Amino acid sequence: MPLSYHDLVAQAKREIREVSVDDLASRSVAPLIVDVREPQEFAAGTIVGAVLIPRGVLAGAIVRVAPDPATEI
């Protein structure tokens, strides 16, 4: 049976580490910030310095901006 939306979100939360705005602001070296929304959403506003890679092409395009697998994203 396919996973539900809630199952997918729960799975993603187990596999990623969320970062608060304060934590991000306190870092001396900022990680790569990837905005996975669509271009029109990105144009409406995003975090300064974020790189747009829509979710639908993320797997194939991330290597362009983060060729080193050790890059903190």
C-alpha atoms as a PDB file:
ATOM      1  CA  MET A   1       0.000   0.000   0.000  1.00  0.00           C
ATOM      2  CA  PRO A   2       1.369   3.464  -0.862  1.00  0.00           C
ATOM      3  CA  LEU A   3       2.335   5.772   1.977  1.00  0.00           C
ATOM      4  CA  SER A   4      -0.108   8.504   2.931  1.00  0.00           C
ATOM      5  CA  TYR A   5       0.851  12.171   2.993  1.00  0.00           C
ATOM      6  CA  HIS A   6       1.177  12.022   6.786  1.00  0.00           C
ATOM      7  CA  ASP A   7       3.379   8.924   6.561  1.00  0.00           C
ATOM      8  CA  LEU A   8       5.650  10.668   4.052  1.00  0.00           C
ATOM      9  CA  VAL A   9       5.951  13.755   6.267  1.00  0.00           C
ATOM     10  CA  ALA A  10       6.729  11.596   9.312  1.00  0.00           C
ATOM     11  CA  GLN A  11       9.363   9.707   7.334  1.00  0.00           C
ATOM     12  CA  ALA A  12      10.981  12.940   6.134  1.00  0.00           C
ATOM     13  CA  LYS A  13      11.074  14.347   9.684  1.00  0.00           C
ATOM     14  CA  ARG A  14      12.922  11.228  10.854  1.00  0.00           C
ATOM     15  CA  GLU A  15      15.541  11.687   8.128  1.00  0.00           C
ATOM     16  CA  ILE A  16      16.238  15.430   8.383  1.00  0.00           C
ATOM     17  CA  ARG A  17      17.294  17.832  11.087  1.00  0.00           C
ATOM     18  CA  GLU A  18      15.235  20.995  11.247  1.00  0.00           C
ATOM     19  CA  VAL A  19      17.032  24.255  12.024  1.00  0.00           C
ATOM     20  CA  SER A  20      15.442  27.223  13.755  1.00  0.00           C
ATOM     21  CA  VAL A  21      15.801  30.750  12.431  1.00  0.00           C
ATOM     22  CA  ASP A  22      17.849  31.683  15.513  1.00  0.00           C
ATOM     23  CA  ASP A  23      20.190  28.719  15.032  1.00  0.00           C
ATOM     24  CA  LEU A  24      20.709  29.610  11.391  1.00  0.00           C
ATOM     25  CA  ALA A  25      21.365  33.279  12.212  1.00  0.00           C
ATOM     26  CA  SER A  26      23.929  32.384  14.883  1.00  0.00           C
ATOM     27  CA  ARG A  27      26.164  30.312  12.600  1.00  0.00           C
ATOM     28  CA  SER A  28      29.461  31.795  11.462  1.00  0.00           C
ATOM     29  CA  VAL A  29      29.240  29.855   8.184  1.00  0.00           C
ATOM     30  CA  ALA A  30      25.775  29.463   6.719  1.00  0.00           C
ATOM     31  CA  PRO A  31      24.793  26.131   5.194  1.00  0.00           C
ATOM     32  CA  LEU A  32      23.524  25.937   1.645  1.00  0.00           C
ATOM     33  CA  ILE A  33      19.845  26.853   1.723  1.00  0.00           C
ATOM     34  CA  VAL A  34      17.785  25.184  -0.993  1.00  0.00           C
ATOM     35  CA  ASP A  35      14.283  26.483  -1.712  1.00  0.00           C
ATOM     36  CA  VAL A  36      12.341  23.600  -3.255  1.00  0.00           C
ATOM     37  CA  ARG A  37       9.198  25.541  -4.107  1.00  0.00           C
ATOM     38  CA  GLU A  38       8.125  26.491  -7.625  1.00  0.00           C
ATOM     39  CA  PRO A  39       9.669  29.572  -9.330  1.00  0.00           C
ATOM     40  CA  GLN A  40       6.585  31.761  -8.844  1.00  0.00           C
ATOM     41  CA  GLU A  41       6.582  30.970  -5.113  1.00  0.00           C
ATOM     42  CA  PHE A  42      10.314  31.709  -4.891  1.00  0.00           C
ATOM     43  CA  ALA A  43       9.771  35.038  -6.674  1.00  0.00           C
ATOM     44  CA  ALA A  44       7.186  35.998  -4.054  1.00  0.00           C
ATOM     45  CA  GLY A  45       9.850  35.848  -1.331  1.00  0.00           C
ATOM     46  CA  THR A  46      12.562  33.610   0.020  1.00  0.00           C
ATOM     47  CA  ILE A  47      15.493  33.517   2.428  1.00  0.00           C
ATOM     48  CA  VAL A  48      18.358  35.735   1.244  1.00  0.00           C
ATOM     49  CA  GLY A  49      20.995  33.569  -0.400  1.00  0.00           C
ATOM     50  CA  ALA A  50      18.712  30.585  -0.961  1.00  0.00           C
ATOM     51  CA  VAL A  51      19.138  28.629  -4.188  1.00  0.00           C
ATOM     52  CA  LEU A  52      16.009  27.667  -6.124  1.00  0.00           C
ATOM     53  CA  ILE A  53      15.775  24.028  -7.144  1.00  0.00           C
ATOM     54  CA  PRO A  54      12.126  22.973  -7.506  1.00  0.00           C
ATOM     55  CA  ARG A  55      11.306  19.703  -5.771  1.00  0.00           C
ATOM     56  CA  GLY A  56      10.519  17.961  -9.044  1.00  0.00           C
ATOM     57  CA  VAL A  57      14.111  18.352 -10.266  1.00  0.00           C
ATOM     58  CA  LEU A  58      15.965  18.337  -6.947  1.00  0.00           C
ATOM     59  CA  ALA A  59      17.507  14.872  -7.227  1.00  0.00           C
ATOM     60  CA  GLY A  60      19.073  15.612 -10.598  1.00  0.00           C
ATOM     61  CA  ALA A  61      20.038  19.242  -9.962  1.00  0.00           C
ATOM     62  CA  ILE A  62      21.436  19.317  -6.430  1.00  0.00           C
ATOM     63  CA  VAL A  63      24.876  18.236  -7.647  1.00  0.00           C
ATOM     64  CA  ARG A  64      25.136  21.536  -9.564  1.00  0.00           C
ATOM     65  CA  VAL A  65      25.101  23.594  -6.368  1.00  0.00           C
ATOM     66  CA  ALA A  66      26.458  21.004  -3.928  1.00  0.00           C
ATOM     67  CA  PRO A  67      28.935  18.751  -5.763  1.00  0.00           C
ATOM     68  CA  ASP A  68      30.536  17.709  -2.456  1.00  0.00           C
ATOM     69  CA  PRO A  69      28.280  15.237  -0.585  1.00  0.00           C
ATOM     70  CA  ALA A  70      29.635  16.623   2.700  1.00  0.00           C
ATOM     71  CA  THR A  71      28.081  20.065   2.012  1.00  0.00           C
ATOM     72  CA  GLU A  72      25.799  21.068   4.866  1.00  0.00           C
ATOM     73  CA  ILE A  73      22.374  21.802   3.403  1.00  0.00           C
END
